[in-house]
Each structure stands twice: as structure tokens, then as C-alpha cells.
N, C-alpha and C. Protein backbone atom coordinates (compact mmCIF):
# COMPACT_ATOMS: atom_id res chain seq x y z
N MET A 1 129.36 64.41 58.07
CA MET A 1 128.49 63.68 58.48
C MET A 1 126.68 64.36 59.20
N ASP A 2 127.20 65.40 59.74
CA ASP A 2 125.88 65.63 60.21
C ASP A 2 124.80 66.13 59.58
N GLN A 3 125.37 66.68 58.45
CA GLN A 3 124.77 66.41 57.03
C GLN A 3 123.70 65.75 56.91
N HIS A 4 123.70 64.18 57.12
CA HIS A 4 123.58 63.10 57.49
C HIS A 4 122.63 62.18 58.46
N MET A 5 122.29 62.74 59.25
CA MET A 5 122.14 62.75 60.27
C MET A 5 120.70 63.01 60.58
N LYS A 6 119.96 62.09 60.48
CA LYS A 6 118.12 62.12 60.62
C LYS A 6 118.27 62.85 62.40
N MET A 7 118.85 61.96 63.17
CA MET A 7 118.34 62.57 64.92
C MET A 7 120.01 62.90 65.15
N LYS A 8 120.11 63.91 66.33
CA LYS A 8 121.44 64.67 66.71
C LYS A 8 121.57 63.78 68.54
N CYS A 9 121.15 62.99 68.42
CA CYS A 9 121.83 62.08 69.24
C CYS A 9 122.99 61.06 69.19
N PRO A 10 123.61 60.96 70.14
CA PRO A 10 124.98 60.30 70.18
C PRO A 10 123.67 58.74 69.47
N VAL A 11 125.61 58.09 69.16
CA VAL A 11 125.21 56.93 68.35
C VAL A 11 125.07 56.05 69.35
N GLY A 12 124.89 54.79 69.30
CA GLY A 12 124.96 53.67 70.72
C GLY A 12 125.93 52.61 70.43
N LYS A 13 125.84 51.80 71.12
CA LYS A 13 127.18 50.66 70.70
C LYS A 13 126.23 49.30 70.00
N LYS A 14 125.12 49.71 70.14
CA LYS A 14 124.51 48.38 69.43
C LYS A 14 124.82 49.13 68.09
N GLU A 15 124.44 50.25 67.49
CA GLU A 15 124.19 51.43 66.12
C GLU A 15 125.36 50.81 65.82
N HIS A 16 126.47 51.23 66.89
CA HIS A 16 128.01 51.14 65.54
C HIS A 16 128.18 49.73 65.98
N THR A 17 128.21 48.95 66.37
CA THR A 17 128.07 47.42 65.77
C THR A 17 127.69 47.48 65.14
N ALA A 18 126.54 47.35 64.42
CA ALA A 18 125.89 46.87 63.38
C ALA A 18 126.19 47.88 62.57
N PHE A 19 127.11 49.08 62.51
CA PHE A 19 127.62 49.53 61.42
C PHE A 19 128.78 49.00 61.17
N LEU A 20 129.84 48.40 61.87
CA LEU A 20 131.09 48.33 61.65
C LEU A 20 130.84 46.42 61.21
N ASN A 21 130.18 46.10 62.04
CA ASN A 21 129.89 44.87 61.03
C ASN A 21 129.76 45.01 59.66
N LEU A 22 128.94 46.06 59.38
CA LEU A 22 128.26 45.84 57.23
C LEU A 22 130.11 46.77 56.95
N TRP A 23 129.70 47.71 57.55
CA TRP A 23 131.38 48.29 57.17
C TRP A 23 132.30 47.06 56.94
N LEU A 24 132.64 46.38 57.57
CA LEU A 24 133.85 44.96 57.51
C LEU A 24 133.33 43.89 56.30
N GLU A 25 132.03 43.50 56.97
CA GLU A 25 132.34 43.21 55.21
C GLU A 25 131.79 43.52 54.08
N HIS A 26 131.65 45.06 53.89
CA HIS A 26 131.15 45.62 52.37
C HIS A 26 133.22 46.00 51.88
N PHE A 27 133.61 46.65 53.43
CA PHE A 27 135.07 46.75 52.49
C PHE A 27 135.97 46.53 52.61
N ILE A 28 136.07 45.91 54.16
CA ILE A 28 137.60 44.52 53.84
C ILE A 28 137.64 43.65 54.39
N PHE A 29 136.32 42.78 54.46
CA PHE A 29 136.17 41.05 53.91
C PHE A 29 135.62 40.81 52.76
N CYS A 30 135.29 42.04 51.25
CA CYS A 30 134.90 42.00 49.94
C CYS A 30 134.00 40.63 49.92
N SER A 31 133.09 40.74 51.00
CA SER A 31 131.83 39.66 51.07
C SER A 31 131.24 39.27 49.34
N PRO A 32 130.66 38.20 48.88
CA PRO A 32 130.32 38.26 47.66
C PRO A 32 128.68 38.46 48.48
N SER A 33 128.17 38.04 49.36
CA SER A 33 127.24 38.82 50.06
C SER A 33 126.26 40.36 49.92
N LEU A 34 125.61 40.20 49.14
CA LEU A 34 125.13 41.66 49.40
C LEU A 34 123.97 42.09 50.46
N ALA A 35 124.07 40.78 51.49
CA ALA A 35 123.21 41.50 52.81
C ALA A 35 124.13 40.85 53.92
N PRO A 36 124.61 42.34 55.12
CA PRO A 36 125.03 41.79 56.57
C PRO A 36 125.09 40.10 56.97
N THR A 37 126.04 39.78 56.98
CA THR A 37 126.29 38.35 57.61
C THR A 37 126.39 38.64 58.97
N LYS A 38 126.32 37.42 60.67
CA LYS A 38 127.08 37.82 60.99
C LYS A 38 128.25 36.90 61.52
N ASN A 39 129.36 37.49 60.34
CA ASN A 39 131.07 36.32 60.25
C ASN A 39 130.96 36.82 60.68
N TYR A 40 131.51 39.06 60.92
CA TYR A 40 132.56 39.09 61.86
C TYR A 40 131.47 40.26 62.86
N LEU A 41 130.65 40.26 63.11
CA LEU A 41 130.06 40.91 64.62
C LEU A 41 130.55 40.49 65.52
N SER A 42 131.36 39.54 66.36
CA SER A 42 132.36 39.11 67.18
C SER A 42 133.68 40.77 66.77
N LEU A 43 133.97 40.16 66.03
CA LEU A 43 135.36 41.45 65.52
C LEU A 43 134.52 43.41 66.02
N ALA A 44 132.73 43.15 64.78
CA ALA A 44 132.06 44.40 65.25
C ALA A 44 132.32 44.73 67.19
N TYR A 45 131.63 43.67 67.63
CA TYR A 45 131.85 44.02 69.21
C TYR A 45 132.36 44.65 69.65
N HIS A 46 134.27 44.21 69.08
CA HIS A 46 135.45 44.31 70.00
C HIS A 46 136.05 45.91 69.22
N LEU A 47 135.88 46.44 68.54
CA LEU A 47 135.75 47.54 68.12
C LEU A 47 134.97 48.25 68.17
N ALA A 48 133.25 48.18 68.52
CA ALA A 48 132.93 48.74 69.02
C ALA A 48 132.98 49.76 70.13
N HIS A 49 133.39 48.65 71.40
CA HIS A 49 133.42 48.43 72.97
C HIS A 49 134.56 48.82 73.55
N GLY A 50 135.82 49.08 71.61
CA GLY A 50 137.53 49.23 72.37
C GLY A 50 138.11 48.53 72.64
N ASN A 51 137.75 47.41 72.12
CA ASN A 51 138.11 46.15 73.54
C ASN A 51 139.77 46.23 72.06
N ARG A 52 140.92 45.83 73.15
CA ARG A 52 141.82 45.54 72.01
C ARG A 52 141.22 44.01 71.35
N THR A 53 141.80 43.42 70.13
CA THR A 53 141.46 42.28 69.84
C THR A 53 143.34 41.22 68.87
N SER A 54 143.47 40.97 67.85
CA SER A 54 144.18 40.27 67.79
C SER A 54 143.91 39.87 66.14
N LEU A 55 144.53 40.13 65.12
CA LEU A 55 143.47 40.58 63.48
C LEU A 55 144.28 38.75 63.06
N GLY A 56 145.50 38.88 63.50
CA GLY A 56 145.87 37.70 62.75
C GLY A 56 144.99 36.68 62.12
N LYS A 57 145.12 36.06 63.23
CA LYS A 57 144.30 34.53 62.86
C LYS A 57 142.98 34.92 62.51
N LEU A 58 141.73 35.59 62.60
CA LEU A 58 141.41 36.26 61.80
C LEU A 58 141.29 36.52 60.09
N PHE A 59 142.41 37.45 59.47
CA PHE A 59 143.24 37.10 58.37
C PHE A 59 143.51 35.77 58.00
N LEU A 60 144.00 35.71 58.56
CA LEU A 60 144.54 33.47 58.34
C LEU A 60 143.56 33.14 57.98
N GLY A 61 142.45 33.01 58.62
CA GLY A 61 140.67 31.89 58.67
C GLY A 61 141.06 32.29 57.38
N GLU A 62 141.02 33.66 56.75
CA GLU A 62 139.81 34.21 56.11
C GLU A 62 140.46 33.87 54.31
N THR A 63 141.46 34.19 54.52
CA THR A 63 142.42 33.66 53.51
C THR A 63 142.42 32.13 52.33
N TYR A 64 142.61 31.39 54.02
CA TYR A 64 141.97 30.18 54.05
C TYR A 64 140.62 29.37 53.54
N ARG A 65 139.99 29.73 53.97
CA ARG A 65 138.42 30.54 53.66
C ARG A 65 137.77 30.04 52.04
N CYS A 66 139.09 31.55 51.91
CA CYS A 66 138.33 32.81 50.02
C CYS A 66 139.33 31.23 49.09
N LEU A 67 140.47 30.99 49.66
CA LEU A 67 141.25 29.29 48.63
C LEU A 67 140.91 28.48 48.77
N HIS A 68 139.93 27.66 49.62
CA HIS A 68 139.35 27.43 49.36
C HIS A 68 138.00 27.20 48.33
N LEU A 69 137.02 27.88 48.80
CA LEU A 69 135.94 28.11 47.71
C LEU A 69 136.57 28.88 46.11
N MET A 70 137.88 29.11 46.13
CA MET A 70 138.49 29.32 45.07
C MET A 70 138.60 27.65 44.25
N THR A 71 138.82 26.86 45.27
CA THR A 71 139.30 25.69 44.77
C THR A 71 138.49 24.49 44.09
N THR A 72 137.06 25.29 45.51
CA THR A 72 136.52 24.12 45.03
C THR A 72 135.20 24.59 43.49
N SER A 73 135.49 25.35 43.87
CA SER A 73 135.05 26.63 42.43
C SER A 73 135.72 25.64 41.18
N LEU A 74 137.10 26.40 41.52
CA LEU A 74 137.16 25.58 40.50
C LEU A 74 137.80 24.72 39.63
N LEU A 75 137.88 23.07 41.06
CA LEU A 75 137.50 21.86 40.34
C LEU A 75 136.30 21.61 40.09
N SER A 76 135.18 22.22 39.50
CA SER A 76 133.15 21.68 39.75
C SER A 76 133.63 22.41 38.46
N GLN A 77 134.69 23.47 37.79
CA GLN A 77 134.03 24.23 36.90
C GLN A 77 132.87 24.84 36.87
N ARG A 78 132.61 25.79 38.09
CA ARG A 78 132.08 26.88 38.35
C ARG A 78 132.66 28.24 38.00
N LYS A 79 131.63 28.74 38.12
CA LYS A 79 132.17 30.35 37.73
C LYS A 79 133.46 31.34 39.10
N LEU A 80 133.91 31.64 39.72
CA LEU A 80 134.00 32.47 39.93
C LEU A 80 133.72 32.99 40.96
N ARG A 81 132.99 33.40 42.26
CA ARG A 81 132.03 34.41 43.02
C ARG A 81 133.48 34.61 44.29
N THR A 82 134.42 35.86 44.48
CA THR A 82 134.99 36.05 44.78
C THR A 82 135.00 37.80 45.84
N GLY A 83 134.21 37.60 45.03
CA GLY A 83 133.89 39.48 45.72
C GLY A 83 134.25 39.99 45.49
N GLY A 84 134.05 41.53 46.31
CA GLY A 84 135.11 43.29 46.33
C GLY A 84 135.04 43.41 45.22
N PRO A 85 136.26 44.19 44.60
CA PRO A 85 136.33 45.18 43.72
C PRO A 85 136.90 44.61 42.59
């Protein structure tokens, strides 16, 4: 990490939140979007500030959202875009 840092100053909460938002979007929730969104910004904010947060409802909501998107794609005979690896 030290090798890739451009400046030797501490990372602020805003930068940490932005990084966590991108990381969550890309690696945890595997969004098909290639650009960062605001979907997980509140979770990233709480993680960056060290707040305890419940993940159960978030993961359940994501599961239902993914199932809804797949079901509507299958019913309309479109190609499935699930995102992720």
C-alpha cells in the first residue's frame, strides 16, 4: 500500500467512505454496473466511521432485488445480467 500511495498524508473519512463504497459495489454485491453508485453509500459511511451496523436486512434486500431482476429478465426473455464473477 505504501508503494502505491501518491501522498504520504493520512486518508480522510470522505476518501475512506468513497473507497469502501466502490469496494462493496464491486466485490461484495457484484454490481453489473461499471461505475460506482449510491446504493451502498450509507453502509460505507457507517463502516468508515466505525459504527456497528446490521447487515441482515441489507443482504436479504439484495437477494430479493437480484431475484426480481432475474425473474423479470427471464419472463421477458432477455439475457441475464447478474454481475460479479
